């Protein structure tokens, strides 16, 4: 079975273990790219965009740790 190219926003929320409100905020701010499809304007996130977002979060976290701005318990 092939992996889906696009995810619904609830799937994104589940993957990131965050609320739908947080997913909407990420999309609204442009932190996570999404597209509107279909006549009812359903939002979808391409799996590659989600992976890019996750990688950017890792890079930001690494930079924060390296600069001493964050302490890990």
Protein backbone atom coordinates (compact mmCIF):
# COMPACT_ATOMS: atom_id res chain seq x y z
CA UNK A 1 0.00 0.00 0.00
CA UNK A 2 1.34 3.45 -0.89
CA UNK A 3 1.55 6.32 1.54
CA UNK A 4 -1.01 9.08 1.14
CA UNK A 5 0.34 12.25 -0.47
CA UNK A 6 -1.96 14.57 1.49
CA UNK A 7 -3.13 14.57 5.10
CA UNK A 8 -6.23 16.08 6.61
CA UNK A 9 -5.64 18.57 9.40
CA UNK A 10 -6.84 16.14 12.11
CA UNK A 11 -4.18 13.69 10.86
CA UNK A 12 -1.55 16.42 11.20
CA UNK A 13 -2.73 17.17 14.73
CA UNK A 14 -2.47 13.48 15.63
CA UNK A 15 0.98 13.12 14.07
CA UNK A 16 2.35 16.14 15.94
CA UNK A 17 0.33 15.31 19.09
CA UNK A 18 -1.11 18.83 19.21
CA UNK A 19 -4.62 20.29 19.15
CA UNK A 20 -6.54 21.26 16.04
CA UNK A 21 -6.36 24.87 17.24
CA UNK A 22 -2.56 24.65 17.15
CA UNK A 23 -2.62 23.13 13.65
CA UNK A 24 -4.85 25.95 12.42
CA UNK A 25 -2.43 28.47 13.96
CA UNK A 26 0.56 26.86 12.23
CA UNK A 27 -1.22 27.02 8.87
CA UNK A 28 -2.54 30.55 9.45
CA UNK A 29 0.96 31.85 10.34
CA UNK A 30 2.48 30.11 7.35
CA UNK A 31 4.71 27.91 9.49
CA UNK A 32 3.11 24.83 7.93
CA UNK A 33 2.13 25.06 4.26
CA UNK A 34 -1.31 23.74 3.36
CA UNK A 35 -3.65 23.89 0.39
CA UNK A 36 -7.39 24.27 0.09
CA UNK A 37 -9.01 21.72 -2.22
CA UNK A 38 -12.47 20.82 -3.37
CA UNK A 39 -15.71 22.73 -3.52
CA UNK A 40 -16.06 22.93 0.26
CA UNK A 41 -12.49 24.16 0.71
CA UNK A 42 -11.05 21.26 2.65
CA UNK A 43 -7.51 21.94 3.88
CA UNK A 44 -4.77 19.40 3.20
CA UNK A 45 -1.09 19.22 4.10
CA UNK A 46 1.29 17.38 1.81
CA UNK A 47 3.28 14.77 3.73
CA UNK A 48 6.54 16.24 2.43
CA UNK A 49 5.52 19.67 3.82
CA UNK A 50 4.87 18.11 7.21
CA UNK A 51 8.26 16.40 7.14
CA UNK A 52 9.93 19.70 6.15
CA UNK A 53 8.19 21.44 9.05
CA UNK A 54 9.38 18.74 11.48
CA UNK A 55 12.95 19.03 10.19
CA UNK A 56 12.84 22.84 10.62
CA UNK A 57 11.66 22.34 14.21
CA UNK A 58 14.58 20.00 14.87
CA UNK A 59 17.02 22.52 13.37
CA UNK A 60 15.59 25.33 15.51
CA UNK A 61 15.75 23.16 18.63
CA UNK A 62 19.35 22.15 17.86
CA UNK A 63 20.33 25.79 17.37
CA UNK A 64 18.67 26.78 20.65
CA UNK A 65 20.46 24.02 22.55
CA UNK A 66 23.82 24.80 20.93
CA UNK A 67 23.51 28.50 21.76
CA UNK A 68 22.61 27.75 25.38
CA UNK A 69 19.17 29.34 25.10
CA UNK A 70 17.54 26.09 26.21
CA UNK A 71 18.39 23.74 29.03
CA UNK A 72 17.39 20.12 28.74
CA UNK A 73 16.30 18.45 31.97
